[in-house]
Amino acid sequence: MRKTLIVLAVILAQGVSGRLHAQGNFGFEFGAFGGRSMWQDRDFQVGPPQVPPGSPNINLNFAYKDQFVYGGRFNFLSRGHWGGEVSYSYQSNTVTISRQNFSGKPVALDGAVHHFFYNMIFNLLPYEKSKLVPFATGGVGLAGYSLSVKARADAADPAVYGIGNLRPYEKRFAYNYGFGVKAKVTSRIGVRADFRHIFSDVPSYGLPKESTNPAQTVLPIQGKLQMYEASAGIYFHFSQGF
């Protein structure tokens, strides 16, 4: 967590200091957006000692649902082709762990997903001179994966899932990149559309990747958890001299 905050602070300080030394005025924006998340599920296997010797590994699937996402963005120090942007988004969601090719009851844990990012923006056309501004963007931040009280109770209850005591919240270092377009409706109001690819490490909620205890539930997923996000929103623009 400390390392993540240091990286974010350095990137933010470099972006701000570089623009404060430039000549001219800057544009600022704040606004809200809504959209749809499209998650990529992950397949993984559980083997010995959780699986008895001589038995085949168990094929499992880890998946979040495609859901509506809501959030806000604050774009600052935009001038010429460059700008910076802070964003936050939220979605209510359920993570499901299911056994492939098996009709048994899957583990379904409801909760939420939070994303916080600092992005650099590259405008393909000069920001202050164009009414229609396509842009590319990329940045780093945090993904927060939370579970509801009921989900944690079900996970701990042997009569429901019995997979153990799970953490209520997990943070993961996250990345995103994408593109979009802004359209200025008036000198103070605009609309925008964005498409992002977001990825982070897989949350485990306290479950280990491996254990020598055959009764311990494990979550040996490798690689990144990925999500695509398509959104549209409105923003309010203010500046000095534009």
C-alpha atoms as a PDB file:
ATOM      1  CA  MET A   1       0.000   0.000   0.000  1.00  0.00           C
ATOM      2  CA  ARG A   2       2.773   2.484   0.944  1.00  0.00           C
ATOM      3  CA  LYS A   3       4.658   1.751  -2.291  1.00  0.00           C
ATOM      4  CA  THR A   4       1.496   2.370  -4.326  1.00  0.00           C
ATOM      5  CA  LEU A   5       0.878   5.749  -2.687  1.00  0.00           C
ATOM      6  CA  ILE A   6       4.487   6.815  -3.294  1.00  0.00           C
ATOM      7  CA  VAL A   7       4.252   5.936  -7.004  1.00  0.00           C
ATOM      8  CA  LEU A   8       0.992   7.852  -7.362  1.00  0.00           C
ATOM      9  CA  ALA A   9       2.404  10.877  -5.536  1.00  0.00           C
ATOM     10  CA  VAL A  10       5.519  10.993  -7.744  1.00  0.00           C
ATOM     11  CA  ILE A  11       3.487  10.768 -10.962  1.00  0.00           C
ATOM     12  CA  LEU A  12       1.067  13.449  -9.792  1.00  0.00           C
ATOM     13  CA  ALA A  13       3.872  15.770  -8.678  1.00  0.00           C
ATOM     14  CA  GLN A  14       5.702  15.426 -11.994  1.00  0.00           C
ATOM     15  CA  GLY A  15       2.545  16.108 -14.013  1.00  0.00           C
ATOM     16  CA  VAL A  16       1.589  19.145 -11.968  1.00  0.00           C
ATOM     17  CA  SER A  17       5.062  20.694 -11.760  1.00  0.00           C
ATOM     18  CA  GLY A  18       5.622  20.313 -15.513  1.00  0.00           C
ATOM     19  CA  ARG A  19       2.450  22.229 -16.292  1.00  0.00           C
ATOM     20  CA  LEU A  20       2.909  24.928 -13.700  1.00  0.00           C
ATOM     21  CA  HIS A  21       6.175  25.935 -15.373  1.00  0.00           C
ATOM     22  CA  ALA A  22       4.555  26.238 -18.800  1.00  0.00           C
ATOM     23  CA  GLN A  23       3.232  29.564 -20.076  1.00  0.00           C
ATOM     24  CA  GLY A  24      -0.444  30.329 -20.566  1.00  0.00           C
ATOM     25  CA  ASN A  25      -3.758  29.378 -19.009  1.00  0.00           C
ATOM     26  CA  PHE A  26      -5.168  25.998 -18.151  1.00  0.00           C
ATOM     27  CA  GLY A  27      -8.516  24.254 -18.418  1.00  0.00           C
ATOM     28  CA  PHE A  28     -10.277  22.384 -15.618  1.00  0.00           C
ATOM     29  CA  GLU A  29     -13.221  19.986 -15.752  1.00  0.00           C
ATOM     30  CA  PHE A  30     -15.360  18.022 -13.345  1.00  0.00           C
ATOM     31  CA  GLY A  31     -18.223  15.717 -14.172  1.00  0.00           C
ATOM     32  CA  ALA A  32     -20.055  12.435 -13.709  1.00  0.00           C
ATOM     33  CA  PHE A  33     -20.377   9.339 -15.871  1.00  0.00           C
ATOM     34  CA  GLY A  34     -22.180   6.035 -16.086  1.00  0.00           C
ATOM     35  CA  GLY A  35     -21.486   2.952 -18.115  1.00  0.00           C
ATOM     36  CA  ARG A  36     -21.119  -0.788 -18.302  1.00  0.00           C
ATOM     37  CA  SER A  37     -18.352  -3.055 -17.053  1.00  0.00           C
ATOM     38  CA  MET A  38     -17.412  -6.157 -19.053  1.00  0.00           C
ATOM     39  CA  TRP A  39     -15.358  -8.607 -16.991  1.00  0.00           C
ATOM     40  CA  GLN A  40     -13.067 -11.361 -18.224  1.00  0.00           C
ATOM     41  CA  ASP A  41     -13.412 -14.467 -16.061  1.00  0.00           C
ATOM     42  CA  ARG A  42     -10.439 -16.585 -14.968  1.00  0.00           C
ATOM     43  CA  ASP A  43     -10.049 -20.375 -15.015  1.00  0.00           C
ATOM     44  CA  PHE A  44      -7.767 -22.138 -12.563  1.00  0.00           C
ATOM     45  CA  GLN A  45      -7.094 -25.572 -11.070  1.00  0.00           C
ATOM     46  CA  VAL A  46      -6.852 -26.934  -7.542  1.00  0.00           C
ATOM     47  CA  GLY A  47      -4.609 -29.942  -7.027  1.00  0.00           C
ATOM     48  CA  PRO A  48      -3.024 -31.890  -4.125  1.00  0.00           C
ATOM     49  CA  PRO A  49      -3.210 -31.837  -1.165  1.00  0.00           C
ATOM     50  CA  GLN A  50      -6.732 -30.358  -1.481  1.00  0.00           C
ATOM     51  CA  VAL A  51      -7.395 -33.067  -4.088  1.00  0.00           C
ATOM     52  CA  PRO A  52      -6.729 -36.675  -2.964  1.00  0.00           C
ATOM     53  CA  PRO A  53      -3.684 -38.383  -4.561  1.00  0.00           C
ATOM     54  CA  GLY A  54      -4.564 -40.093  -7.820  1.00  0.00           C
ATOM     55  CA  SER A  55      -7.626 -37.894  -8.419  1.00  0.00           C
ATOM     56  CA  PRO A  56      -7.712 -35.347 -11.251  1.00  0.00           C
ATOM     57  CA  ASN A  57      -7.261 -31.658 -10.476  1.00  0.00           C
ATOM     58  CA  ILE A  58     -10.450 -29.674  -9.957  1.00  0.00           C
ATOM     59  CA  ASN A  59     -11.184 -27.065 -12.659  1.00  0.00           C
ATOM     60  CA  LEU A  60     -12.679 -23.871 -11.233  1.00  0.00           C
ATOM     61  CA  ASN A  61     -13.821 -20.539 -12.620  1.00  0.00           C
ATOM     62  CA  PHE A  62     -13.573 -17.087 -10.979  1.00  0.00           C
ATOM     63  CA  ALA A  63     -15.932 -14.472 -12.412  1.00  0.00           C
ATOM     64  CA  TYR A  64     -17.464 -11.076 -11.760  1.00  0.00           C
ATOM     65  CA  LYS A  65     -20.754 -10.129 -13.412  1.00  0.00           C
ATOM     66  CA  ASP A  66     -21.034  -7.471 -16.120  1.00  0.00           C
ATOM     67  CA  GLN A  67     -22.628  -4.576 -14.273  1.00  0.00           C
ATOM     68  CA  PHE A  68     -23.461  -0.890 -14.445  1.00  0.00           C
ATOM     69  CA  VAL A  69     -20.702   1.401 -13.178  1.00  0.00           C
ATOM     70  CA  TYR A  70     -20.947   4.982 -11.924  1.00  0.00           C
ATOM     71  CA  GLY A  71     -18.354   7.572 -11.067  1.00  0.00           C
ATOM     72  CA  GLY A  72     -16.813  11.005 -11.391  1.00  0.00           C
ATOM     73  CA  ARG A  73     -13.758  12.611 -12.983  1.00  0.00           C
ATOM     74  CA  PHE A  74     -11.757  15.748 -12.311  1.00  0.00           C
ATOM     75  CA  ASN A  75      -9.609  16.885 -15.252  1.00  0.00           C
ATOM     76  CA  PHE A  76      -7.010  19.521 -14.401  1.00  0.00           C
ATOM     77  CA  LEU A  77      -4.225  21.578 -15.948  1.00  0.00           C
ATOM     78  CA  SER A  78      -5.291  20.729 -19.489  1.00  0.00           C
ATOM     79  CA  ARG A  79      -3.490  22.788 -22.115  1.00  0.00           C
ATOM     80  CA  GLY A  80      -2.538  22.039 -25.707  1.00  0.00           C
ATOM     81  CA  HIS A  81      -2.228  18.294 -26.141  1.00  0.00           C
ATOM     82  CA  TRP A  82      -1.751  17.302 -22.482  1.00  0.00           C
ATOM     83  CA  GLY A  83      -3.749  17.092 -19.287  1.00  0.00           C
ATOM     84  CA  GLY A  84      -4.149  15.125 -16.070  1.00  0.00           C
ATOM     85  CA  GLU A  85      -7.222  13.444 -14.633  1.00  0.00           C
ATOM     86  CA  VAL A  86      -8.337  11.849 -11.362  1.00  0.00           C
ATOM     87  CA  SER A  87     -11.273   9.441 -11.483  1.00  0.00           C
ATOM     88  CA  TYR A  88     -13.318   7.270  -9.144  1.00  0.00           C
ATOM     89  CA  SER A  89     -15.880   4.614 -10.074  1.00  0.00           C
ATOM     90  CA  TYR A  90     -18.140   2.232  -8.177  1.00  0.00           C
ATOM     91  CA  GLN A  91     -20.139  -0.838  -9.087  1.00  0.00           C
ATOM     92  CA  SER A  92     -22.181  -3.258  -7.016  1.00  0.00           C
ATOM     93  CA  ASN A  93     -21.121  -6.747  -8.035  1.00  0.00           C
ATOM     94  CA  THR A  94     -21.023 -10.433  -7.143  1.00  0.00           C
ATOM     95  CA  VAL A  95     -17.988 -12.670  -7.494  1.00  0.00           C
ATOM     96  CA  THR A  96     -18.748 -16.303  -8.314  1.00  0.00           C
ATOM     97  CA  ILE A  97     -16.413 -19.279  -7.914  1.00  0.00           C
ATOM     98  CA  SER A  98     -17.822 -22.289  -9.726  1.00  0.00           C
ATOM     99  CA  ARG A  99     -16.664 -25.780 -10.633  1.00  0.00           C
ATOM    100  CA  GLN A 100     -16.514 -26.348 -14.369  1.00  0.00           C
ATOM    101  CA  ASN A 101     -18.670 -29.115 -15.849  1.00  0.00           C
ATOM    102  CA  PHE A 102     -20.233 -29.672 -12.434  1.00  0.00           C
ATOM    103  CA  SER A 103     -23.820 -29.030 -11.410  1.00  0.00           C
ATOM    104  CA  GLY A 104     -23.014 -28.312  -7.772  1.00  0.00           C
ATOM    105  CA  LYS A 105     -23.843 -25.010  -6.063  1.00  0.00           C
ATOM    106  CA  PRO A 106     -21.318 -22.255  -6.913  1.00  0.00           C
ATOM    107  CA  VAL A 107     -19.923 -19.867  -4.308  1.00  0.00           C
ATOM    108  CA  ALA A 108     -21.576 -16.467  -4.940  1.00  0.00           C
ATOM    109  CA  LEU A 109     -20.379 -13.550  -2.784  1.00  0.00           C
ATOM    110  CA  ASP A 110     -22.004 -10.157  -3.241  1.00  0.00           C
ATOM    111  CA  GLY A 111     -20.078  -6.947  -2.694  1.00  0.00           C
ATOM    112  CA  ALA A 112     -18.679  -4.046  -4.686  1.00  0.00           C
ATOM    113  CA  VAL A 113     -15.728  -2.942  -6.806  1.00  0.00           C
ATOM    114  CA  HIS A 114     -14.074   0.492  -6.501  1.00  0.00           C
ATOM    115  CA  HIS A 115     -11.521   1.989  -8.902  1.00  0.00           C
ATOM    116  CA  PHE A 116      -9.401   5.069  -8.246  1.00  0.00           C
ATOM    117  CA  PHE A 117      -6.994   6.290 -10.963  1.00  0.00           C
ATOM    118  CA  TYR A 118      -4.662   9.085 -11.879  1.00  0.00           C
ATOM    119  CA  ASN A 119      -4.346   9.291 -15.687  1.00  0.00           C
ATOM    120  CA  MET A 120      -2.353  11.309 -18.153  1.00  0.00           C
ATOM    121  CA  ILE A 121      -4.415  12.566 -21.105  1.00  0.00           C
ATOM    122  CA  PHE A 122      -3.073  13.112 -24.628  1.00  0.00           C
ATOM    123  CA  ASN A 123      -5.459  15.167 -26.778  1.00  0.00           C
ATOM    124  CA  LEU A 124      -5.164  14.471 -30.499  1.00  0.00           C
ATOM    125  CA  LEU A 125      -6.317  18.052 -31.191  1.00  0.00           C
ATOM    126  CA  PRO A 126      -5.394  21.145 -29.143  1.00  0.00           C
ATOM    127  CA  TYR A 127      -7.560  21.169 -26.029  1.00  0.00           C
ATOM    128  CA  GLU A 128      -8.448  24.862 -25.916  1.00  0.00           C
ATOM    129  CA  LYS A 129      -9.040  25.337 -29.664  1.00  0.00           C
ATOM    130  CA  SER A 130     -11.214  22.374 -30.658  1.00  0.00           C
ATOM    131  CA  LYS A 131     -14.890  21.710 -29.979  1.00  0.00           C
ATOM    132  CA  LEU A 132     -14.446  17.980 -30.674  1.00  0.00           C
ATOM    133  CA  VAL A 133     -11.394  16.516 -28.916  1.00  0.00           C
ATOM    134  CA  PRO A 134     -10.470  12.832 -29.313  1.00  0.00           C
ATOM    135  CA  PHE A 135      -7.930  11.641 -26.763  1.00  0.00           C
ATOM    136  CA  ALA A 136      -5.866   8.708 -25.531  1.00  0.00           C
ATOM    137  CA  THR A 137      -5.253   8.051 -21.851  1.00  0.00           C
ATOM    138  CA  GLY A 138      -3.414   5.776 -19.442  1.00  0.00           C
ATOM    139  CA  GLY A 139      -2.621   5.680 -15.755  1.00  0.00           C
ATOM    140  CA  VAL A 140      -2.220   3.864 -12.465  1.00  0.00           C
ATOM    141  CA  GLY A 141      -4.278   3.574  -9.320  1.00  0.00           C
ATOM    142  CA  LEU A 142      -6.016   1.241  -6.902  1.00  0.00           C
ATOM    143  CA  ALA A 143      -8.742  -1.375  -7.263  1.00  0.00           C
ATOM    144  CA  GLY A 144     -10.771  -2.065  -4.129  1.00  0.00           C
ATOM    145  CA  TYR A 145     -12.750  -5.297  -3.882  1.00  0.00           C
ATOM    146  CA  SER A 146     -15.241  -5.514  -0.991  1.00  0.00           C
ATOM    147  CA  LEU A 147     -17.600  -8.176   0.348  1.00  0.00           C
ATOM    148  CA  SER A 148     -20.874  -7.607   2.148  1.00  0.00           C
ATOM    149  CA  VAL A 149     -21.446  -8.722   5.745  1.00  0.00           C
ATOM    150  CA  LYS A 150     -23.843 -11.415   4.527  1.00  0.00           C
ATOM    151  CA  ALA A 151     -21.328 -12.712   1.973  1.00  0.00           C
ATOM    152  CA  ARG A 152     -18.672 -13.100   4.654  1.00  0.00           C
ATOM    153  CA  ALA A 153     -21.136 -14.816   6.976  1.00  0.00           C
ATOM    154  CA  ASP A 154     -22.141 -17.273   4.237  1.00  0.00           C
ATOM    155  CA  ALA A 155     -18.475 -17.964   3.451  1.00  0.00           C
ATOM    156  CA  ALA A 156     -17.727 -18.809   7.092  1.00  0.00           C
ATOM    157  CA  ASP A 157     -20.893 -20.884   7.671  1.00  0.00           C
ATOM    158  CA  PRO A 158     -20.274 -24.636   7.042  1.00  0.00           C
ATOM    159  CA  ALA A 159     -23.972 -25.033   6.247  1.00  0.00           C
ATOM    160  CA  VAL A 160     -23.693 -22.563   3.342  1.00  0.00           C
ATOM    161  CA  TYR A 161     -20.204 -22.445   1.772  1.00  0.00           C
ATOM    162  CA  GLY A 162     -17.769 -23.197   4.602  1.00  0.00           C
ATOM    163  CA  ILE A 163     -14.692 -21.798   2.828  1.00  0.00           C
ATOM    164  CA  GLY A 164     -13.404 -19.819   5.818  1.00  0.00           C
ATOM    165  CA  ASN A 165     -13.297 -16.337   7.308  1.00  0.00           C
ATOM    166  CA  LEU A 166     -12.781 -13.860   4.484  1.00  0.00           C
ATOM    167  CA  ARG A 167     -11.488 -10.313   4.605  1.00  0.00           C
ATOM    168  CA  PRO A 168     -14.103  -7.591   4.086  1.00  0.00           C
ATOM    169  CA  TYR A 169     -11.933  -5.531   1.737  1.00  0.00           C
ATOM    170  CA  GLU A 170      -8.846  -5.962  -0.444  1.00  0.00           C
ATOM    171  CA  LYS A 171      -6.804  -3.364  -2.346  1.00  0.00           C
ATOM    172  CA  ARG A 172      -4.821  -4.130  -5.480  1.00  0.00           C
ATOM    173  CA  PHE A 173      -2.433  -2.009  -7.558  1.00  0.00           C
ATOM    174  CA  ALA A 174      -4.262  -1.372 -10.858  1.00  0.00           C
ATOM    175  CA  TYR A 175      -3.596  -0.022 -14.353  1.00  0.00           C
ATOM    176  CA  ASN A 176      -5.819   1.317 -17.090  1.00  0.00           C
ATOM    177  CA  TYR A 177      -5.550   2.674 -20.608  1.00  0.00           C
ATOM    178  CA  GLY A 178      -8.013   3.633 -23.294  1.00  0.00           C
ATOM    179  CA  PHE A 179      -9.395   6.318 -25.528  1.00  0.00           C
ATOM    180  CA  GLY A 180     -12.375   8.616 -25.838  1.00  0.00           C
ATOM    181  CA  VAL A 181     -13.802  11.797 -27.274  1.00  0.00           C
ATOM    182  CA  LYS A 182     -15.084  15.054 -25.762  1.00  0.00           C
ATOM    183  CA  ALA A 183     -17.595  17.397 -27.391  1.00  0.00           C
ATOM    184  CA  LYS A 184     -18.036  20.943 -26.111  1.00  0.00           C
ATOM    185  CA  VAL A 185     -21.748  21.830 -26.103  1.00  0.00           C
ATOM    186  CA  THR A 186     -21.222  25.328 -24.695  1.00  0.00           C
ATOM    187  CA  SER A 187     -18.230  27.196 -23.302  1.00  0.00           C
ATOM    188  CA  ARG A 188     -18.957  25.624 -19.897  1.00  0.00           C
ATOM    189  CA  ILE A 189     -20.651  22.272 -20.613  1.00  0.00           C
ATOM    190  CA  GLY A 190     -19.565  19.241 -22.610  1.00  0.00           C
ATOM    191  CA  VAL A 191     -20.237  15.539 -23.088  1.00  0.00           C
ATOM    192  CA  ARG A 192     -17.751  12.704 -23.399  1.00  0.00           C
ATOM    193  CA  ALA A 193     -17.517   8.996 -24.168  1.00  0.00           C
ATOM    194  CA  ASP A 194     -14.759   6.708 -22.892  1.00  0.00           C
ATOM    195  CA  PHE A 195     -13.566   3.154 -23.370  1.00  0.00           C
ATOM    196  CA  ARG A 196     -11.043   1.695 -20.904  1.00  0.00           C
ATOM    197  CA  HIS A 197      -9.152  -1.540 -20.307  1.00  0.00           C
ATOM    198  CA  ILE A 198      -8.585  -2.017 -16.563  1.00  0.00           C
ATOM    199  CA  PHE A 199      -6.564  -4.756 -14.914  1.00  0.00           C
ATOM    200  CA  SER A 200      -5.219  -5.660 -11.472  1.00  0.00           C
ATOM    201  CA  ASP A 201      -4.080  -8.656  -9.449  1.00  0.00           C
ATOM    202  CA  VAL A 202      -6.864 -11.065  -8.487  1.00  0.00           C
ATOM    203  CA  PRO A 203      -8.373 -10.448  -5.021  1.00  0.00           C
ATOM    204  CA  SER A 204      -8.169 -13.468  -2.715  1.00  0.00           C
ATOM    205  CA  TYR A 205     -10.025 -12.074   0.340  1.00  0.00           C
ATOM    206  CA  GLY A 206      -7.488 -13.798   2.577  1.00  0.00           C
ATOM    207  CA  LEU A 207      -7.546 -17.214   0.913  1.00  0.00           C
ATOM    208  CA  PRO A 208      -3.992 -18.520   0.267  1.00  0.00           C
ATOM    209  CA  LYS A 209      -2.738 -19.593  -3.157  1.00  0.00           C
ATOM    210  CA  GLU A 210      -1.543 -22.891  -1.669  1.00  0.00           C
ATOM    211  CA  SER A 211      -1.584 -24.773   1.624  1.00  0.00           C
ATOM    212  CA  THR A 212      -0.275 -28.037   3.050  1.00  0.00           C
ATOM    213  CA  ASN A 213      -3.568 -28.437   4.914  1.00  0.00           C
ATOM    214  CA  PRO A 214      -5.944 -30.569   2.789  1.00  0.00           C
ATOM    215  CA  ALA A 215      -8.967 -28.927   4.457  1.00  0.00           C
ATOM    216  CA  GLN A 216      -7.815 -25.384   3.650  1.00  0.00           C
ATOM    217  CA  THR A 217      -9.629 -23.648   0.779  1.00  0.00           C
ATOM    218  CA  VAL A 218      -7.109 -22.197  -1.684  1.00  0.00           C
ATOM    219  CA  LEU A 219      -7.346 -19.785  -4.604  1.00  0.00           C
ATOM    220  CA  PRO A 220      -4.338 -20.487  -6.874  1.00  0.00           C
ATOM    221  CA  ILE A 221      -5.169 -17.988  -9.635  1.00  0.00           C
ATOM    222  CA  GLN A 222      -2.250 -16.536 -11.605  1.00  0.00           C
ATOM    223  CA  GLY A 223      -2.122 -13.489 -13.868  1.00  0.00           C
ATOM    224  CA  LYS A 224      -4.369 -10.420 -13.962  1.00  0.00           C
ATOM    225  CA  LEU A 225      -8.079  -9.848 -13.465  1.00  0.00           C
ATOM    226  CA  GLN A 226      -9.265  -7.792 -16.443  1.00  0.00           C
ATOM    227  CA  MET A 227     -12.271  -5.595 -17.141  1.00  0.00           C
ATOM    228  CA  TYR A 228     -13.377  -3.432 -20.057  1.00  0.00           C
ATOM    229  CA  GLU A 229     -15.440  -0.332 -19.336  1.00  0.00           C
ATOM    230  CA  ALA A 230     -17.576   1.707 -21.749  1.00  0.00           C
ATOM    231  CA  SER A 231     -19.054   4.924 -20.377  1.00  0.00           C
ATOM    232  CA  ALA A 232     -20.617   8.258 -21.248  1.00  0.00           C
ATOM    233  CA  GLY A 233     -20.937  11.387 -19.163  1.00  0.00           C
ATOM    234  CA  ILE A 234     -21.282  15.126 -18.827  1.00  0.00           C
ATOM    235  CA  TYR A 235     -18.644  17.571 -17.656  1.00  0.00           C
ATOM    236  CA  PHE A 236     -18.418  21.211 -16.647  1.00  0.00           C
ATOM    237  CA  HIS A 237     -15.482  23.264 -17.905  1.00  0.00           C
ATOM    238  CA  PHE A 238     -13.866  26.327 -16.379  1.00  0.00           C
ATOM    239  CA  SER A 239     -10.608  28.103 -17.082  1.00  0.00           C
ATOM    240  CA  GLN A 240      -8.791  31.439 -17.152  1.00  0.00           C
ATOM    241  CA  GLY A 241      -8.754  33.164 -20.504  1.00  0.00           C
ATOM    242  CA  PHE A 242      -9.894  30.298 -22.791  1.00  0.00           C
END
